[in-house]
Amino acid sequence: MRVVRIALAGAAFVLAGCLDGGLVSFLAPVTTSAPITQIIMFSGDVVAVGPNGYCAALSASRPNTGFAIFTSCPALNGSAVAIIGISTVQIGQHGSALVEKHAVELAAVLQGVSGPIILARDGDTSTVMVKQVIQADARVSVYFDDDAPAAIYGTQEAEWRSFIDVNDRLVTVSVRGFDFAPLSARDGERLLDQAVAVLIAANK
């Protein structure tokens, strides 16, 4: 259990470091004729992708630290995206995988007093409310609210996040909506499920 807490705390620290104030303006519309939908990480060891119809925000992604961010791209394939939002992918170092072996323990950690510590955007656990933790095989998902100021301006408080293993690396996938178009609980779960499925398929 302690190993799981330490590993997750490290992953949360890396993610918080990526989502700093310099990323608040990345959500400019994609205007290229060929939108980029995937980012190669760690010399090709992992491919980061977003949900179907999402494009990479290259200026906000940090491939050298395993971080990628995707946003809905209405122009992709000439059709609008069904669920508007953002998706982030944080990939850990080789050997960091822990979900397959410790899924039950991980779910327990997220449900317990350590959950808000791991999930808090700015380290303030009082801003986090964990709503649900689901463990299904080698995937653990958590749905929560964090009313701390968002590092990415204009995103909603609710967040849907999954922890999975990809190529012996711990991977965190998160989705959120925007204040002007917040995700419902149902759409948040649907978008997260899609983001995880597409990521797994891209790395088989």
Foldseek 3Di string as FASTA:
>chain_A
DVLLLVLLLVLLVLVLVLLALVQQPLPDADDDPDFAAWDAADPNQFIAGFFPQWGWSVVSADRPQQKTKIFHHCPVVHHGDPAGWMKMKHKADAQSDDQQPCVVVNLVCCVDPNVLCSPASVRDSVQKDWDDWDGDRSKIKTWIFGPDQGSHPFWHRIKIWMWGDANRIIMIMMITHGPVRGDDPVRRVVRRVRGVVVRNVVRD
